[in-house]
Each structure stands twice: as structure tokens, then as C-alpha cells.
Amino acid sequence: MSPGLPERRSEERFSTVLNGWIRDPKNKTRIECSVWDLSQSGVRLIISDPVDVPLEFELEIPDAGAAAMTRLVWTDGTHYGARFTS
């Protein structure tokens, strides 16, 4: 967090380095990503090349045996923040 900026997260965040997949439930497109931060309520993802990420998608984390529906909250082109909706 940058000095002087308020913390907006409601849950403790954990740094991770996990492989993941963004899956568009409408057309089944999959985008490979890295899961860098994870909390009970959301996640920060890294995608090496800027791509169009759907507003709502299923995040799959195979190494953790986890999948959840998520909603995109912000992006800077390679980093993506999303909150869990299920």
C-alpha cells in the first residue's frame, strides 16, 4: 500500500504465486493468469499480455483445487483486481 492512501480491503490479503485460468462462462474462452494476492473476498491477477477480460468470469486455480465466480473491479492493463461473487 502506498503511504497516505487509505486501505480499502475488508479482508486480510495473502501473497501467493499460483497458476490460474480466467474462463468466460459465455463462450468458454480461457486466459492463463498468475494469482498474486488472495483474500476471502477477492484476488489480484497478473496477465503477461494485455487482453480483454470479461466483467464476470470463473477463476480456476488448479493447484489449489479451487474455482469461483468473480467480478472484475479494476485493471491497469496487466494487473487485474476482482472480487468473488460465489
PDB file of N, CA and C in Angstrom:
ATOM      1  N   MET A   1       0.841  -1.171   0.000  1.00  0.00           N
ATOM      2  CA  MET A   1       0.000   0.000   0.000  1.00  0.00           C
ATOM      3  C   MET A   1       0.882   1.229   0.000  1.00  0.00           C
ATOM      4  N   SER A   2       0.493   2.251  -0.725  1.00  0.00           N
ATOM      5  CA  SER A   2       1.251   3.489  -0.799  1.00  0.00           C
ATOM      6  C   SER A   2       0.983   4.346   0.432  1.00  0.00           C
ATOM      7  N   PRO A   3       2.035   5.037   0.943  1.00  0.00           N
ATOM      8  CA  PRO A   3       1.828   5.912   2.098  1.00  0.00           C
ATOM      9  C   PRO A   3       0.782   6.982   1.782  1.00  0.00           C
ATOM     10  N   GLY A   4      -0.079   7.259   2.731  1.00  0.00           N
ATOM     11  CA  GLY A   4      -1.079   8.298   2.560  1.00  0.00           C
ATOM     12  C   GLY A   4      -2.368   7.843   1.902  1.00  0.00           C
ATOM     13  N   LEU A   5      -2.399   6.640   1.351  1.00  0.00           N
ATOM     14  CA  LEU A   5      -3.617   6.134   0.722  1.00  0.00           C
ATOM     15  C   LEU A   5      -4.345   5.221   1.700  1.00  0.00           C
ATOM     16  N   PRO A   6      -5.644   5.382   1.832  1.00  0.00           N
ATOM     17  CA  PRO A   6      -6.385   4.526   2.770  1.00  0.00           C
ATOM     18  C   PRO A   6      -6.478   3.093   2.262  1.00  0.00           C
ATOM     19  N   GLU A   7      -6.448   2.156   3.172  1.00  0.00           N
ATOM     20  CA  GLU A   7      -6.624   0.738   2.846  1.00  0.00           C
ATOM     21  C   GLU A   7      -8.107   0.488   2.643  1.00  0.00           C
ATOM     22  N   ARG A   8      -8.481  -0.054   1.471  1.00  0.00           N
ATOM     23  CA  ARG A   8      -9.892  -0.275   1.161  1.00  0.00           C
ATOM     24  C   ARG A   8     -10.302  -1.732   1.301  1.00  0.00           C
ATOM     25  N   ARG A   9      -9.389  -2.612   1.560  1.00  0.00           N
ATOM     26  CA  ARG A   9      -9.725  -4.029   1.631  1.00  0.00           C
ATOM     27  C   ARG A   9     -10.408  -4.349   2.958  1.00  0.00           C
ATOM     28  N   SER A  10     -11.425  -5.197   2.883  1.00  0.00           N
ATOM     29  CA  SER A  10     -12.144  -5.576   4.097  1.00  0.00           C
ATOM     30  C   SER A  10     -11.621  -6.883   4.680  1.00  0.00           C
ATOM     31  N   GLU A  11     -10.797  -7.603   3.937  1.00  0.00           N
ATOM     32  CA  GLU A  11     -10.273  -8.898   4.371  1.00  0.00           C
ATOM     33  C   GLU A  11      -8.749  -8.886   4.298  1.00  0.00           C
ATOM     34  N   GLU A  12      -8.104  -9.695   5.149  1.00  0.00           N
ATOM     35  CA  GLU A  12      -6.654  -9.823   5.091  1.00  0.00           C
ATOM     36  C   GLU A  12      -6.254 -10.444   3.754  1.00  0.00           C
ATOM     37  N   ARG A  13      -5.196  -9.901   3.160  1.00  0.00           N
ATOM     38  CA  ARG A  13      -4.735 -10.367   1.853  1.00  0.00           C
ATOM     39  C   ARG A  13      -3.448 -11.170   2.036  1.00  0.00           C
ATOM     40  N   PHE A  14      -3.317 -12.253   1.273  1.00  0.00           N
ATOM     41  CA  PHE A  14      -2.141 -13.109   1.334  1.00  0.00           C
ATOM     42  C   PHE A  14      -1.445 -13.117  -0.018  1.00  0.00           C
ATOM     43  N   SER A  15      -0.121 -12.937  -0.005  1.00  0.00           N
ATOM     44  CA  SER A  15       0.649 -13.017  -1.249  1.00  0.00           C
ATOM     45  C   SER A  15       0.750 -14.473  -1.672  1.00  0.00           C
ATOM     46  N   THR A  16       0.545 -14.718  -2.953  1.00  0.00           N
ATOM     47  CA  THR A  16       0.638 -16.067  -3.498  1.00  0.00           C
ATOM     48  C   THR A  16       1.333 -16.000  -4.846  1.00  0.00           C
ATOM     49  N   VAL A  17       1.754 -17.117  -5.330  1.00  0.00           N
ATOM     50  CA  VAL A  17       2.216 -17.256  -6.711  1.00  0.00           C
ATOM     51  C   VAL A  17       1.636 -18.578  -7.205  1.00  0.00           C
ATOM     52  N   LEU A  18       0.424 -18.502  -7.741  1.00  0.00           N
ATOM     53  CA  LEU A  18      -0.281 -19.685  -8.223  1.00  0.00           C
ATOM     54  C   LEU A  18      -0.672 -19.489  -9.682  1.00  0.00           C
ATOM     55  N   ASN A  19      -0.691 -20.572 -10.421  1.00  0.00           N
ATOM     56  CA  ASN A  19      -1.189 -20.516 -11.794  1.00  0.00           C
ATOM     57  C   ASN A  19      -2.705 -20.568 -11.767  1.00  0.00           C
ATOM     58  N   GLY A  20      -3.313 -19.821 -12.675  1.00  0.00           N
ATOM     59  CA  GLY A  20      -4.763 -19.811 -12.739  1.00  0.00           C
ATOM     60  C   GLY A  20      -5.268 -19.646 -14.156  1.00  0.00           C
ATOM     61  N   TRP A  21      -6.567 -19.781 -14.292  1.00  0.00           N
ATOM     62  CA  TRP A  21      -7.246 -19.612 -15.574  1.00  0.00           C
ATOM     63  C   TRP A  21      -8.476 -18.746 -15.372  1.00  0.00           C
ATOM     64  N   ILE A  22      -8.650 -17.778 -16.247  1.00  0.00           N
ATOM     65  CA  ILE A  22      -9.866 -16.983 -16.315  1.00  0.00           C
ATOM     66  C   ILE A  22     -10.719 -17.633 -17.394  1.00  0.00           C
ATOM     67  N   ARG A  23     -11.942 -18.025 -17.039  1.00  0.00           N
ATOM     68  CA  ARG A  23     -12.813 -18.676 -18.018  1.00  0.00           C
ATOM     69  C   ARG A  23     -14.091 -17.867 -18.164  1.00  0.00           C
ATOM     70  N   ASP A  24     -14.353 -17.437 -19.392  1.00  0.00           N
ATOM     71  CA  ASP A  24     -15.581 -16.703 -19.698  1.00  0.00           C
ATOM     72  C   ASP A  24     -16.717 -17.714 -19.769  1.00  0.00           C
ATOM     73  N   PRO A  25     -17.709 -17.620 -18.881  1.00  0.00           N
ATOM     74  CA  PRO A  25     -18.789 -18.614 -18.881  1.00  0.00           C
ATOM     75  C   PRO A  25     -19.676 -18.547 -20.119  1.00  0.00           C
ATOM     76  N   LYS A  26     -19.641 -17.431 -20.846  1.00  0.00           N
ATOM     77  CA  LYS A  26     -20.492 -17.300 -22.031  1.00  0.00           C
ATOM     78  C   LYS A  26     -19.931 -18.046 -23.230  1.00  0.00           C
ATOM     79  N   ASN A  27     -18.626 -17.898 -23.485  1.00  0.00           N
ATOM     80  CA  ASN A  27     -18.070 -18.528 -24.690  1.00  0.00           C
ATOM     81  C   ASN A  27     -16.965 -19.539 -24.385  1.00  0.00           C
ATOM     82  N   LYS A  28     -16.723 -19.803 -23.115  1.00  0.00           N
ATOM     83  CA  LYS A  28     -15.754 -20.816 -22.662  1.00  0.00           C
ATOM     84  C   LYS A  28     -14.303 -20.468 -22.995  1.00  0.00           C
ATOM     85  N   THR A  29     -14.020 -19.228 -23.395  1.00  0.00           N
ATOM     86  CA  THR A  29     -12.647 -18.794 -23.632  1.00  0.00           C
ATOM     87  C   THR A  29     -11.863 -18.871 -22.328  1.00  0.00           C
ATOM     88  N   ARG A  30     -10.594 -19.312 -22.410  1.00  0.00           N
ATOM     89  CA  ARG A  30      -9.739 -19.387 -21.226  1.00  0.00           C
ATOM     90  C   ARG A  30      -8.516 -18.512 -21.425  1.00  0.00           C
ATOM     91  N   ILE A  31      -8.136 -17.792 -20.369  1.00  0.00           N
ATOM     92  CA  ILE A  31      -6.964 -16.924 -20.375  1.00  0.00           C
ATOM     93  C   ILE A  31      -6.080 -17.346 -19.210  1.00  0.00           C
ATOM     94  N   GLU A  32      -4.816 -17.646 -19.496  1.00  0.00           N
ATOM     95  CA  GLU A  32      -3.890 -18.027 -18.433  1.00  0.00           C
ATOM     96  C   GLU A  32      -3.511 -16.799 -17.614  1.00  0.00           C
ATOM     97  N   CYS A  33      -3.391 -16.973 -16.296  1.00  0.00           N
ATOM     98  CA  CYS A  33      -3.032 -15.861 -15.422  1.00  0.00           C
ATOM     99  C   CYS A  33      -2.218 -16.375 -14.238  1.00  0.00           C
ATOM    100  N   SER A  34      -1.643 -15.444 -13.490  1.00  0.00           N
ATOM    101  CA  SER A  34      -0.978 -15.749 -12.224  1.00  0.00           C
ATOM    102  C   SER A  34      -1.772 -15.096 -11.108  1.00  0.00           C
ATOM    103  N   VAL A  35      -1.968 -15.829 -10.029  1.00  0.00           N
ATOM    104  CA  VAL A  35      -2.678 -15.318  -8.860  1.00  0.00           C
ATOM    105  C   VAL A  35      -1.623 -14.816  -7.882  1.00  0.00           C
ATOM    106  N   TRP A  36      -1.557 -13.498  -7.676  1.00  0.00           N
ATOM    107  CA  TRP A  36      -0.531 -12.904  -6.813  1.00  0.00           C
ATOM    108  C   TRP A  36      -1.021 -12.587  -5.419  1.00  0.00           C
ATOM    109  N   ASP A  37      -2.231 -12.156  -5.290  1.00  0.00           N
ATOM    110  CA  ASP A  37      -2.798 -11.834  -3.976  1.00  0.00           C
ATOM    111  C   ASP A  37      -4.153 -12.506  -3.869  1.00  0.00           C
ATOM    112  N   LEU A  38      -4.456 -12.982  -2.671  1.00  0.00           N
ATOM    113  CA  LEU A  38      -5.694 -13.719  -2.469  1.00  0.00           C
ATOM    114  C   LEU A  38      -6.245 -13.393  -1.085  1.00  0.00           C
ATOM    115  N   SER A  39      -7.549 -13.164  -1.013  1.00  0.00           N
ATOM    116  CA  SER A  39      -8.219 -12.958   0.273  1.00  0.00           C
ATOM    117  C   SER A  39      -9.556 -13.685   0.230  1.00  0.00           C
ATOM    118  N   GLN A  40     -10.302 -13.625   1.323  1.00  0.00           N
ATOM    119  CA  GLN A  40     -11.631 -14.235   1.361  1.00  0.00           C
ATOM    120  C   GLN A  40     -12.564 -13.588   0.351  1.00  0.00           C
ATOM    121  N   SER A  41     -12.345 -12.298   0.060  1.00  0.00           N
ATOM    122  CA  SER A  41     -13.300 -11.567  -0.773  1.00  0.00           C
ATOM    123  C   SER A  41     -12.825 -11.281  -2.188  1.00  0.00           C
ATOM    124  N   GLY A  42     -11.528 -11.468  -2.473  1.00  0.00           N
ATOM    125  CA  GLY A  42     -11.076 -11.128  -3.815  1.00  0.00           C
ATOM    126  C   GLY A  42      -9.671 -11.588  -4.120  1.00  0.00           C
ATOM    127  N   VAL A  43      -9.174 -11.106  -5.267  1.00  0.00           N
ATOM    128  CA  VAL A  43      -7.922 -11.612  -5.804  1.00  0.00           C
ATOM    129  C   VAL A  43      -7.277 -10.559  -6.701  1.00  0.00           C
ATOM    130  N   ARG A  44      -5.940 -10.601  -6.781  1.00  0.00           N
ATOM    131  CA  ARG A  44      -5.224  -9.807  -7.784  1.00  0.00           C
ATOM    132  C   ARG A  44      -4.564 -10.787  -8.732  1.00  0.00           C
ATOM    133  N   LEU A  45      -4.808 -10.569 -10.019  1.00  0.00           N
ATOM    134  CA  LEU A  45      -4.295 -11.446 -11.063  1.00  0.00           C
ATOM    135  C   LEU A  45      -3.310 -10.687 -11.936  1.00  0.00           C
ATOM    136  N   ILE A  46      -2.354 -11.411 -12.487  1.00  0.00           N
ATOM    137  CA  ILE A  46      -1.402 -10.848 -13.436  1.00  0.00           C
ATOM    138  C   ILE A  46      -1.542 -11.630 -14.733  1.00  0.00           C
ATOM    139  N   ILE A  47      -1.648 -10.894 -15.839  1.00  0.00           N
ATOM    140  CA  ILE A  47      -1.672 -11.492 -17.174  1.00  0.00           C
ATOM    141  C   ILE A  47      -0.538 -10.845 -17.947  1.00  0.00           C
ATOM    142  N   SER A  48       0.342 -11.663 -18.535  1.00  0.00           N
ATOM    143  CA  SER A  48       1.562 -11.136 -19.147  1.00  0.00           C
ATOM    144  C   SER A  48       1.309 -10.173 -20.298  1.00  0.00           C
ATOM    145  N   ASP A  49       0.286 -10.406 -21.087  1.00  0.00           N
ATOM    146  CA  ASP A  49      -0.050  -9.515 -22.199  1.00  0.00           C
ATOM    147  C   ASP A  49      -1.440  -8.940 -21.975  1.00  0.00           C
ATOM    148  N   PRO A  50      -1.623  -7.637 -22.218  1.00  0.00           N
ATOM    149  CA  PRO A  50      -2.963  -7.060 -22.050  1.00  0.00           C
ATOM    150  C   PRO A  50      -3.993  -7.773 -22.928  1.00  0.00           C
ATOM    151  N   VAL A  51      -5.102  -8.139 -22.325  1.00  0.00           N
ATOM    152  CA  VAL A  51      -6.200  -8.803 -23.036  1.00  0.00           C
ATOM    153  C   VAL A  51      -7.523  -8.249 -22.509  1.00  0.00           C
ATOM    154  N   ASP A  52      -8.582  -8.503 -23.246  1.00  0.00           N
ATOM    155  CA  ASP A  52      -9.917  -8.139 -22.780  1.00  0.00           C
ATOM    156  C   ASP A  52     -10.410  -9.229 -21.836  1.00  0.00           C
ATOM    157  N   VAL A  53     -10.551  -8.879 -20.587  1.00  0.00           N
ATOM    158  CA  VAL A  53     -11.050  -9.808 -19.577  1.00  0.00           C
ATOM    159  C   VAL A  53     -12.536  -9.521 -19.385  1.00  0.00           C
ATOM    160  N   PRO A  54     -13.378 -10.548 -19.389  1.00  0.00           N
ATOM    161  CA  PRO A  54     -14.813 -10.306 -19.202  1.00  0.00           C
ATOM    162  C   PRO A  54     -15.103  -9.707 -17.828  1.00  0.00           C
ATOM    163  N   LEU A  55     -16.184  -8.962 -17.735  1.00  0.00           N
ATOM    164  CA  LEU A  55     -16.574  -8.343 -16.472  1.00  0.00           C
ATOM    165  C   LEU A  55     -16.850  -9.400 -15.404  1.00  0.00           C
ATOM    166  N   GLU A  56     -17.485 -10.498 -15.789  1.00  0.00           N
ATOM    167  CA  GLU A  56     -17.730 -11.611 -14.882  1.00  0.00           C
ATOM    168  C   GLU A  56     -17.107 -12.861 -15.473  1.00  0.00           C
ATOM    169  N   PHE A  57     -16.397 -13.622 -14.635  1.00  0.00           N
ATOM    170  CA  PHE A  57     -15.711 -14.816 -15.125  1.00  0.00           C
ATOM    171  C   PHE A  57     -15.523 -15.811 -13.993  1.00  0.00           C
ATOM    172  N   GLU A  58     -15.227 -17.049 -14.390  1.00  0.00           N
ATOM    173  CA  GLU A  58     -14.875 -18.068 -13.409  1.00  0.00           C
ATOM    174  C   GLU A  58     -13.360 -18.102 -13.307  1.00  0.00           C
ATOM    175  N   LEU A  59     -12.841 -18.006 -12.097  1.00  0.00           N
ATOM    176  CA  LEU A  59     -11.409 -18.132 -11.858  1.00  0.00           C
ATOM    177  C   LEU A  59     -11.136 -19.554 -11.402  1.00  0.00           C
ATOM    178  N   GLU A  60     -10.271 -20.243 -12.132  1.00  0.00           N
ATOM    179  CA  GLU A  60      -9.873 -21.600 -11.764  1.00  0.00           C
ATOM    180  C   GLU A  60      -8.436 -21.554 -11.272  1.00  0.00           C
ATOM    181  N   ILE A  61      -8.174 -22.171 -10.116  1.00  0.00           N
ATOM    182  CA  ILE A  61      -6.819 -22.284  -9.574  1.00  0.00           C
ATOM    183  C   ILE A  61      -6.552 -23.771  -9.382  1.00  0.00           C
ATOM    184  N   PRO A  62      -6.053 -24.447 -10.425  1.00  0.00           N
ATOM    185  CA  PRO A  62      -5.900 -25.905 -10.385  1.00  0.00           C
ATOM    186  C   PRO A  62      -5.034 -26.417  -9.233  1.00  0.00           C
ATOM    187  N   ASP A  63      -3.907 -25.742  -8.929  1.00  0.00           N
ATOM    188  CA  ASP A  63      -3.023 -26.222  -7.866  1.00  0.00           C
ATOM    189  C   ASP A  63      -3.687 -26.197  -6.495  1.00  0.00           C
ATOM    190  N   ALA A  64      -4.680 -25.335  -6.323  1.00  0.00           N
ATOM    191  CA  ALA A  64      -5.406 -25.253  -5.054  1.00  0.00           C
ATOM    192  C   ALA A  64      -6.714 -26.036  -5.106  1.00  0.00           C
ATOM    193  N   GLY A  65      -7.045 -26.587  -6.273  1.00  0.00           N
ATOM    194  CA  GLY A  65      -8.306 -27.302  -6.425  1.00  0.00           C
ATOM    195  C   GLY A  65      -9.502 -26.396  -6.200  1.00  0.00           C
ATOM    196  N   ALA A  66      -9.381 -25.140  -6.658  1.00  0.00           N
ATOM    197  CA  ALA A  66     -10.429 -24.158  -6.379  1.00  0.00           C
ATOM    198  C   ALA A  66     -10.941 -23.506  -7.653  1.00  0.00           C
ATOM    199  N   ALA A  67     -12.192 -23.093  -7.601  1.00  0.00           N
ATOM    200  CA  ALA A  67     -12.811 -22.324  -8.681  1.00  0.00           C
ATOM    201  C   ALA A  67     -13.896 -21.461  -8.058  1.00  0.00           C
ATOM    202  N   ALA A  68     -14.035 -20.234  -8.574  1.00  0.00           N
ATOM    203  CA  ALA A  68     -15.057 -19.331  -8.044  1.00  0.00           C
ATOM    204  C   ALA A  68     -15.455 -18.329  -9.109  1.00  0.00           C
ATOM    205  N   MET A  69     -16.705 -17.924  -9.068  1.00  0.00           N
ATOM    206  CA  MET A  69     -17.163 -16.847  -9.940  1.00  0.00           C
ATOM    207  C   MET A  69     -16.645 -15.531  -9.368  1.00  0.00           C
ATOM    208  N   THR A  70     -16.205 -14.653 -10.260  1.00  0.00           N
ATOM    209  CA  THR A  70     -15.627 -13.380  -9.849  1.00  0.00           C
ATOM    210  C   THR A  70     -16.140 -12.260 -10.737  1.00  0.00           C
ATOM    211  N   ARG A  71     -15.954 -11.033 -10.246  1.00  0.00           N
ATOM    212  CA  ARG A  71     -16.335  -9.837 -10.998  1.00  0.00           C
ATOM    213  C   ARG A  71     -15.138  -8.898 -11.021  1.00  0.00           C
ATOM    214  N   LEU A  72     -14.760  -8.453 -12.212  1.00  0.00           N
ATOM    215  CA  LEU A  72     -13.639  -7.539 -12.390  1.00  0.00           C
ATOM    216  C   LEU A  72     -13.955  -6.203 -11.729  1.00  0.00           C
ATOM    217  N   VAL A  73     -13.005  -5.683 -10.946  1.00  0.00           N
ATOM    218  CA  VAL A  73     -13.184  -4.413 -10.249  1.00  0.00           C
ATOM    219  C   VAL A  73     -12.291  -3.331 -10.846  1.00  0.00           C
ATOM    220  N   TRP A  74     -11.037  -3.678 -11.173  1.00  0.00           N
ATOM    221  CA  TRP A  74     -10.108  -2.702 -11.732  1.00  0.00           C
ATOM    222  C   TRP A  74      -9.042  -3.415 -12.560  1.00  0.00           C
ATOM    223  N   THR A  75      -8.353  -2.644 -13.408  1.00  0.00           N
ATOM    224  CA  THR A  75      -7.207  -3.147 -14.161  1.00  0.00           C
ATOM    225  C   THR A  75      -6.312  -1.986 -14.554  1.00  0.00           C
ATOM    226  N   ASP A  76      -5.030  -2.286 -14.715  1.00  0.00           N
ATOM    227  CA  ASP A  76      -4.099  -1.306 -15.275  1.00  0.00           C
ATOM    228  C   ASP A  76      -3.506  -1.819 -16.585  1.00  0.00           C
ATOM    229  N   GLY A  77      -4.072  -2.887 -17.113  1.00  0.00           N
ATOM    230  CA  GLY A  77      -3.614  -3.451 -18.378  1.00  0.00           C
ATOM    231  C   GLY A  77      -2.932  -4.797 -18.242  1.00  0.00           C
ATOM    232  N   THR A  78      -2.224  -5.033 -17.138  1.00  0.00           N
ATOM    233  CA  THR A  78      -1.622  -6.347 -16.891  1.00  0.00           C
ATOM    234  C   THR A  78      -1.990  -6.885 -15.506  1.00  0.00           C
ATOM    235  N   HIS A  79      -2.326  -6.008 -14.568  1.00  0.00           N
ATOM    236  CA  HIS A  79      -2.791  -6.408 -13.238  1.00  0.00           C
ATOM    237  C   HIS A  79      -4.303  -6.223 -13.214  1.00  0.00           C
ATOM    238  N   TYR A  80      -4.991  -7.189 -12.601  1.00  0.00           N
ATOM    239  CA  TYR A  80      -6.453  -7.171 -12.565  1.00  0.00           C
ATOM    240  C   TYR A  80      -6.910  -7.466 -11.146  1.00  0.00           C
ATOM    241  N   GLY A  81      -7.804  -6.652 -10.624  1.00  0.00           N
ATOM    242  CA  GLY A  81      -8.390  -6.897  -9.315  1.00  0.00           C
ATOM    243  C   GLY A  81      -9.824  -7.360  -9.493  1.00  0.00           C
ATOM    244  N   ALA A  82     -10.206  -8.381  -8.751  1.00  0.00           N
ATOM    245  CA  ALA A  82     -11.562  -8.919  -8.877  1.00  0.00           C
ATOM    246  C   ALA A  82     -12.063  -9.335  -7.500  1.00  0.00           C
ATOM    247  N   ARG A  83     -13.382  -9.307  -7.343  1.00  0.00           N
ATOM    248  CA  ARG A  83     -13.983  -9.780  -6.094  1.00  0.00           C
ATOM    249  C   ARG A  83     -14.773 -11.050  -6.381  1.00  0.00           C
ATOM    250  N   PHE A  84     -14.805 -11.916  -5.392  1.00  0.00           N
ATOM    251  CA  PHE A  84     -15.546 -13.160  -5.533  1.00  0.00           C
ATOM    252  C   PHE A  84     -17.037 -12.892  -5.394  1.00  0.00           C
ATOM    253  N   THR A  85     -17.817 -13.524  -6.258  1.00  0.00           N
ATOM    254  CA  THR A  85     -19.273 -13.387  -6.192  1.00  0.00           C
ATOM    255  C   THR A  85     -19.941 -14.691  -5.781  1.00  0.00           C
ATOM    256  N   SER A  86     -19.178 -15.770  -5.707  1.00  0.00           N
ATOM    257  CA  SER A  86     -19.738 -17.054  -5.247  1.00  0.00           C
ATOM    258  C   SER A  86     -18.737 -17.784  -4.386  1.00  0.00           C
TER     259      SER A  86
END
